[in-house]
Amino acid sequence: LVDHADGLPLLLRCAMETQFHGTRIQLHSLKILMSLTFIDEVKKSLGTNENLLHLLRQLASSSDNPKFQNIADGILWRLTAKPESV
């Protein structure tokens, strides 16, 4: 998915566009994005996507669905957490 040229952009589109059914498309896309944040290259790319970050903040703070709030919080945490120094 990550190596395919259209993979990540398509997944972002499914996660961000409101025309897609929320719990059937958008939520699953966000869950996949959460998993992909464990790949450094993807994490860096997602962390610089201001549109995605805005959507995640909006979902985390004002979504009526706790599943959306939880996954948005999780992705934001993964993208913005500072590495621990040892």
C-alpha atoms as a PDB file:
ATOM      1  CA  LEU A   1       0.000   0.000   0.000  1.00  0.00           C
ATOM      2  CA  VAL A   2       2.708   2.453   0.966  1.00  0.00           C
ATOM      3  CA  ASP A   3       4.932   1.577  -1.999  1.00  0.00           C
ATOM      4  CA  HIS A   4       2.093   1.950  -4.497  1.00  0.00           C
ATOM      5  CA  ALA A   5       2.011   5.456  -5.978  1.00  0.00           C
ATOM      6  CA  ASP A   6      -1.728   5.869  -5.413  1.00  0.00           C
ATOM      7  CA  GLY A   7      -1.929   3.959  -2.118  1.00  0.00           C
ATOM      8  CA  LEU A   8      -1.436   6.635   0.505  1.00  0.00           C
ATOM      9  CA  PRO A   9      -3.172   9.433  -1.450  1.00  0.00           C
ATOM     10  CA  LEU A  10      -6.229   7.220  -1.968  1.00  0.00           C
ATOM     11  CA  LEU A  11      -6.306   6.274   1.690  1.00  0.00           C
ATOM     12  CA  LEU A  12      -6.048   9.932   2.706  1.00  0.00           C
ATOM     13  CA  ARG A  13      -8.870  10.804   0.352  1.00  0.00           C
ATOM     14  CA  CYS A  14     -11.083   8.112   1.868  1.00  0.00           C
ATOM     15  CA  ALA A  15     -10.276   9.363   5.367  1.00  0.00           C
ATOM     16  CA  MET A  16     -10.757  13.046   4.636  1.00  0.00           C
ATOM     17  CA  GLU A  17     -13.616  13.448   2.190  1.00  0.00           C
ATOM     18  CA  THR A  18     -17.048  13.681   3.755  1.00  0.00           C
ATOM     19  CA  GLN A  19     -18.778  12.120   0.759  1.00  0.00           C
ATOM     20  CA  PHE A  20     -17.685   8.694   1.988  1.00  0.00           C
ATOM     21  CA  HIS A  21     -19.800   6.840   4.531  1.00  0.00           C
ATOM     22  CA  GLY A  22     -18.325   7.644   7.925  1.00  0.00           C
ATOM     23  CA  THR A  23     -18.199   4.331   9.707  1.00  0.00           C
ATOM     24  CA  ARG A  24     -17.850   2.160   6.630  1.00  0.00           C
ATOM     25  CA  ILE A  25     -15.105   4.023   4.780  1.00  0.00           C
ATOM     26  CA  GLN A  26     -13.742   6.937   6.768  1.00  0.00           C
ATOM     27  CA  LEU A  27     -13.272   5.131  10.082  1.00  0.00           C
ATOM     28  CA  HIS A  28     -11.579   2.131   8.477  1.00  0.00           C
ATOM     29  CA  SER A  29      -9.300   4.434   6.491  1.00  0.00           C
ATOM     30  CA  LEU A  30      -8.311   6.212   9.686  1.00  0.00           C
ATOM     31  CA  LYS A  31      -7.577   2.872  11.355  1.00  0.00           C
ATOM     32  CA  ILE A  32      -5.284   1.908   8.490  1.00  0.00           C
ATOM     33  CA  LEU A  33      -3.568   5.296   8.691  1.00  0.00           C
ATOM     34  CA  MET A  34      -3.037   4.696  12.412  1.00  0.00           C
ATOM     35  CA  SER A  35      -1.301   1.425  11.619  1.00  0.00           C
ATOM     36  CA  LEU A  36       0.829   3.093   8.971  1.00  0.00           C
ATOM     37  CA  THR A  37       2.120   5.684  11.447  1.00  0.00           C
ATOM     38  CA  PHE A  38       4.472   2.979  12.707  1.00  0.00           C
ATOM     39  CA  ILE A  39       6.384   3.327   9.418  1.00  0.00           C
ATOM     40  CA  ASP A  40       8.700   6.323   9.815  1.00  0.00           C
ATOM     41  CA  GLU A  41       8.400   7.488   6.203  1.00  0.00           C
ATOM     42  CA  VAL A  42       4.607   7.488   6.377  1.00  0.00           C
ATOM     43  CA  LYS A  43       4.599   9.102   9.806  1.00  0.00           C
ATOM     44  CA  LYS A  44       6.699  11.992   8.483  1.00  0.00           C
ATOM     45  CA  SER A  45       4.465  12.401   5.451  1.00  0.00           C
ATOM     46  CA  LEU A  46       1.246  12.381   7.478  1.00  0.00           C
ATOM     47  CA  GLY A  47       2.712  14.688  10.109  1.00  0.00           C
ATOM     48  CA  THR A  48       3.224  17.409   7.525  1.00  0.00           C
ATOM     49  CA  ASN A  49      -0.252  17.137   6.002  1.00  0.00           C
ATOM     50  CA  GLU A  50      -2.003  20.173   7.496  1.00  0.00           C
ATOM     51  CA  ASN A  51      -5.406  19.168   6.095  1.00  0.00           C
ATOM     52  CA  LEU A  52      -5.187  15.785   7.780  1.00  0.00           C
ATOM     53  CA  LEU A  53      -4.017  17.291  11.056  1.00  0.00           C
ATOM     54  CA  HIS A  54      -6.896  19.772  10.996  1.00  0.00           C
ATOM     55  CA  LEU A  55      -9.404  16.971  10.371  1.00  0.00           C
ATOM     56  CA  LEU A  56      -7.929  14.857  13.169  1.00  0.00           C
ATOM     57  CA  ARG A  57      -8.096  17.742  15.644  1.00  0.00           C
ATOM     58  CA  GLN A  58     -11.676  18.410  14.632  1.00  0.00           C
ATOM     59  CA  LEU A  59     -12.679  14.751  15.017  1.00  0.00           C
ATOM     60  CA  ALA A  60     -10.868  14.424  18.330  1.00  0.00           C
ATOM     61  CA  SER A  61     -12.590  17.437  19.836  1.00  0.00           C
ATOM     62  CA  SER A  62     -16.059  17.491  18.336  1.00  0.00           C
ATOM     63  CA  SER A  63     -17.068  14.175  16.792  1.00  0.00           C
ATOM     64  CA  ASP A  64     -20.315  12.659  18.046  1.00  0.00           C
ATOM     65  CA  ASN A  65     -18.830   9.201  17.586  1.00  0.00           C
ATOM     66  CA  PRO A  66     -16.342   8.078  20.274  1.00  0.00           C
ATOM     67  CA  LYS A  67     -14.697   5.705  17.790  1.00  0.00           C
ATOM     68  CA  PHE A  68     -13.734   8.680  15.626  1.00  0.00           C
ATOM     69  CA  GLN A  69     -12.534  10.612  18.679  1.00  0.00           C
ATOM     70  CA  ASN A  70     -10.359   7.702  19.840  1.00  0.00           C
ATOM     71  CA  ILE A  71      -8.746   6.975  16.489  1.00  0.00           C
ATOM     72  CA  ALA A  72      -8.151  10.679  15.807  1.00  0.00           C
ATOM     73  CA  ASP A  73      -6.554  11.086  19.255  1.00  0.00           C
ATOM     74  CA  GLY A  74      -4.379   8.051  18.614  1.00  0.00           C
ATOM     75  CA  ILE A  75      -3.163   9.243  15.233  1.00  0.00           C
ATOM     76  CA  LEU A  76      -2.484  12.739  16.558  1.00  0.00           C
ATOM     77  CA  TRP A  77      -0.527  11.269  19.448  1.00  0.00           C
ATOM     78  CA  ARG A  78       1.553   9.129  17.090  1.00  0.00           C
ATOM     79  CA  LEU A  79       2.236  12.069  14.769  1.00  0.00           C
ATOM     80  CA  THR A  80       3.034  14.682  17.393  1.00  0.00           C
ATOM     81  CA  ALA A  81       4.596  12.755  20.307  1.00  0.00           C
ATOM     82  CA  LYS A  82       8.209  13.635  20.956  1.00  0.00           C
ATOM     83  CA  PRO A  83      10.611  10.689  21.155  1.00  0.00           C
ATOM     84  CA  GLU A  84      11.764   9.861  24.642  1.00  0.00           C
ATOM     85  CA  SER A  85      15.435  10.440  25.302  1.00  0.00           C
ATOM     86  CA  VAL A  86      17.280   7.761  27.213  1.00  0.00           C
END
